[in-house]
PDB file of N, CA and C in Angstrom:
ATOM      1  N   MET A   1       9.699 -29.255 -25.094  1.00  0.00           N
ATOM      2  CA  MET A   1       9.470 -30.075 -23.896  1.00  0.00           C
ATOM      3  C   MET A   1       9.222 -29.185 -22.670  1.00  0.00           C
ATOM      4  N   TRP A   2      10.171 -28.268 -22.415  1.00  0.00           N
ATOM      5  CA  TRP A   2      10.029 -27.405 -21.241  1.00  0.00           C
ATOM      6  C   TRP A   2       8.869 -26.443 -21.391  1.00  0.00           C
ATOM      7  N   GLY A   3       8.653 -25.955 -22.638  1.00  0.00           N
ATOM      8  CA  GLY A   3       7.558 -25.012 -22.855  1.00  0.00           C
ATOM      9  C   GLY A   3       6.208 -25.653 -22.579  1.00  0.00           C
ATOM     10  N   GLY A   4       6.033 -26.905 -23.004  1.00  0.00           N
ATOM     11  CA  GLY A   4       4.766 -27.599 -22.788  1.00  0.00           C
ATOM     12  C   GLY A   4       4.482 -27.815 -21.310  1.00  0.00           C
ATOM     13  N   SER A   5       5.503 -28.240 -20.568  1.00  0.00           N
ATOM     14  CA  SER A   5       5.307 -28.484 -19.132  1.00  0.00           C
ATOM     15  C   SER A   5       5.041 -27.175 -18.395  1.00  0.00           C
ATOM     16  N   LEU A   6       5.715 -26.103 -18.818  1.00  0.00           N
ATOM     17  CA  LEU A   6       5.508 -24.793 -18.202  1.00  0.00           C
ATOM     18  C   LEU A   6       4.088 -24.310 -18.473  1.00  0.00           C
ATOM     19  N   PHE A   7       3.603 -24.545 -19.700  1.00  0.00           N
ATOM     20  CA  PHE A   7       2.241 -24.161 -20.063  1.00  0.00           C
ATOM     21  C   PHE A   7       1.231 -24.932 -19.224  1.00  0.00           C
ATOM     22  N   LEU A   8       1.486 -26.226 -19.023  1.00  0.00           N
ATOM     23  CA  LEU A   8       0.588 -27.068 -18.230  1.00  0.00           C
ATOM     24  C   LEU A   8       0.557 -26.600 -16.779  1.00  0.00           C
ATOM     25  N   ILE A   9       1.718 -26.273 -16.224  1.00  0.00           N
ATOM     26  CA  ILE A   9       1.797 -25.803 -14.837  1.00  0.00           C
ATOM     27  C   ILE A   9       1.063 -24.478 -14.665  1.00  0.00           C
ATOM     28  N   SER A  10       1.246 -23.566 -15.639  1.00  0.00           N
ATOM     29  CA  SER A  10       0.568 -22.266 -15.556  1.00  0.00           C
ATOM     30  C   SER A  10      -0.936 -22.429 -15.703  1.00  0.00           C
ATOM     31  N   LEU A  11      -1.371 -23.379 -16.539  1.00  0.00           N
ATOM     32  CA  LEU A  11      -2.798 -23.629 -16.729  1.00  0.00           C
ATOM     33  C   LEU A  11      -3.413 -24.168 -15.438  1.00  0.00           C
ATOM     34  N   ILE A  12      -2.730 -25.110 -14.790  1.00  0.00           N
ATOM     35  CA  ILE A  12      -3.205 -25.671 -13.521  1.00  0.00           C
ATOM     36  C   ILE A  12      -3.253 -24.589 -12.443  1.00  0.00           C
ATOM     37  N   PHE A  13      -2.230 -23.711 -12.431  1.00  0.00           N
ATOM     38  CA  PHE A  13      -2.189 -22.620 -11.459  1.00  0.00           C
ATOM     39  C   PHE A  13      -3.351 -21.663 -11.685  1.00  0.00           C
ATOM     40  N   LEU A  14      -3.646 -21.357 -12.963  1.00  0.00           N
ATOM     41  CA  LEU A  14      -4.742 -20.448 -13.300  1.00  0.00           C
ATOM     42  C   LEU A  14      -6.075 -21.040 -12.858  1.00  0.00           C
ATOM     43  N   PHE A  15      -6.290 -22.331 -13.147  1.00  0.00           N
ATOM     44  CA  PHE A  15      -7.544 -22.967 -12.765  1.00  0.00           C
ATOM     45  C   PHE A  15      -7.707 -23.042 -11.253  1.00  0.00           C
ATOM     46  N   SER A  16      -6.615 -23.280 -10.533  1.00  0.00           N
ATOM     47  CA  SER A  16      -6.694 -23.336  -9.070  1.00  0.00           C
ATOM     48  C   SER A  16      -7.006 -21.956  -8.497  1.00  0.00           C
ATOM     49  N   CYS A  17      -6.461 -20.906  -9.106  1.00  0.00           N
ATOM     50  CA  CYS A  17      -6.747 -19.540  -8.655  1.00  0.00           C
ATOM     51  C   CYS A  17      -8.220 -19.210  -8.873  1.00  0.00           C
ATOM     52  N   ILE A  18      -8.745 -19.558 -10.064  1.00  0.00           N
ATOM     53  CA  ILE A  18     -10.152 -19.287 -10.373  1.00  0.00           C
ATOM     54  C   ILE A  18     -11.059 -20.077  -9.425  1.00  0.00           C
ATOM     55  N   PHE A  19     -10.716 -21.345  -9.173  1.00  0.00           N
ATOM     56  CA  PHE A  19     -11.516 -22.178  -8.283  1.00  0.00           C
ATOM     57  C   PHE A  19     -11.501 -21.627  -6.857  1.00  0.00           C
ATOM     58  N   PHE A  20     -10.340 -21.144  -6.408  1.00  0.00           N
ATOM     59  CA  PHE A  20     -10.221 -20.582  -5.065  1.00  0.00           C
ATOM     60  C   PHE A  20     -11.055 -19.314  -4.929  1.00  0.00           C
ATOM     61  N   MET A  21     -11.046 -18.467  -5.966  1.00  0.00           N
ATOM     62  CA  MET A  21     -11.840 -17.231  -5.933  1.00  0.00           C
ATOM     63  C   MET A  21     -13.331 -17.560  -5.900  1.00  0.00           C
ATOM     64  N   LEU A  22     -13.753 -18.520  -6.720  1.00  0.00           N
ATOM     65  CA  LEU A  22     -15.159 -18.911  -6.743  1.00  0.00           C
ATOM     66  C   LEU A  22     -15.576 -19.501  -5.399  1.00  0.00           C
ATOM     67  N   PHE A  23     -14.711 -20.327  -4.814  1.00  0.00           N
ATOM     68  CA  PHE A  23     -15.019 -20.959  -3.536  1.00  0.00           C
ATOM     69  C   PHE A  23     -15.132 -19.932  -2.420  1.00  0.00           C
ATOM     70  N   SER A  24     -14.227 -18.948  -2.409  1.00  0.00           N
ATOM     71  CA  SER A  24     -14.274 -17.907  -1.376  1.00  0.00           C
ATOM     72  C   SER A  24     -15.516 -17.039  -1.540  1.00  0.00           C
ATOM     73  N   CYS A  25     -15.894 -16.738  -2.784  1.00  0.00           N
ATOM     74  CA  CYS A  25     -17.109 -15.950  -3.025  1.00  0.00           C
ATOM     75  C   CYS A  25     -18.337 -16.719  -2.551  1.00  0.00           C
ATOM     76  N   LEU A  26     -18.371 -18.021  -2.827  1.00  0.00           N
ATOM     77  CA  LEU A  26     -19.497 -18.849  -2.402  1.00  0.00           C
ATOM     78  C   LEU A  26     -19.556 -18.926  -0.879  1.00  0.00           C
ATOM     79  N   LEU A  27     -18.401 -19.032  -0.238  1.00  0.00           N
ATOM     80  CA  LEU A  27     -18.337 -19.103   1.216  1.00  0.00           C
ATOM     81  C   LEU A  27     -18.844 -17.808   1.842  1.00  0.00           C
ATOM     82  N   ILE A  28     -18.441 -16.667   1.290  1.00  0.00           N
ATOM     83  CA  ILE A  28     -18.903 -15.369   1.788  1.00  0.00           C
ATOM     84  C   ILE A  28     -20.414 -15.239   1.600  1.00  0.00           C
ATOM     85  N   LEU A  29     -20.915 -15.693   0.462  1.00  0.00           N
ATOM     86  CA  LEU A  29     -22.354 -15.633   0.187  1.00  0.00           C
ATOM     87  C   LEU A  29     -23.130 -16.474   1.197  1.00  0.00           C
ATOM     88  N   VAL A  30     -22.637 -17.680   1.470  1.00  0.00           N
ATOM     89  CA  VAL A  30     -23.294 -18.570   2.433  1.00  0.00           C
ATOM     90  C   VAL A  30     -23.267 -17.964   3.837  1.00  0.00           C
ATOM     91  N   LEU A  31     -22.131 -17.389   4.218  1.00  0.00           N
ATOM     92  CA  LEU A  31     -22.012 -16.781   5.544  1.00  0.00           C
ATOM     93  C   LEU A  31     -22.954 -15.591   5.694  1.00  0.00           C
ATOM     94  N   THR A  32     -23.065 -14.771   4.651  1.00  0.00           N
ATOM     95  CA  THR A  32     -23.966 -13.615   4.727  1.00  0.00           C
ATOM     96  C   THR A  32     -25.422 -14.059   4.730  1.00  0.00           C
ATOM     97  N   LEU A  33     -25.720 -15.182   4.089  1.00  0.00           N
ATOM     98  CA  LEU A  33     -27.100 -15.663   4.066  1.00  0.00           C
ATOM     99  C   LEU A  33     -27.503 -16.254   5.413  1.00  0.00           C
ATOM    100  N   PHE A  34     -26.578 -16.968   6.053  1.00  0.00           N
ATOM    101  CA  PHE A  34     -26.924 -17.653   7.295  1.00  0.00           C
ATOM    102  C   PHE A  34     -26.765 -16.804   8.546  1.00  0.00           C
ATOM    103  N   TYR A  35     -26.033 -15.667   8.446  1.00  0.00           N
ATOM    104  CA  TYR A  35     -25.833 -14.856   9.648  1.00  0.00           C
ATOM    105  C   TYR A  35     -26.532 -13.521   9.583  1.00  0.00           C
TER     106      TYR A  35
END
């Protein structure tokens, strides 16, 4: 029970980290293109 919930939380954390990195890279790319 606890292992499954811990795995789910870590998976969500991993996906949020990857999404944040991709979003920041895209933001930097847009800023460098427009300025």
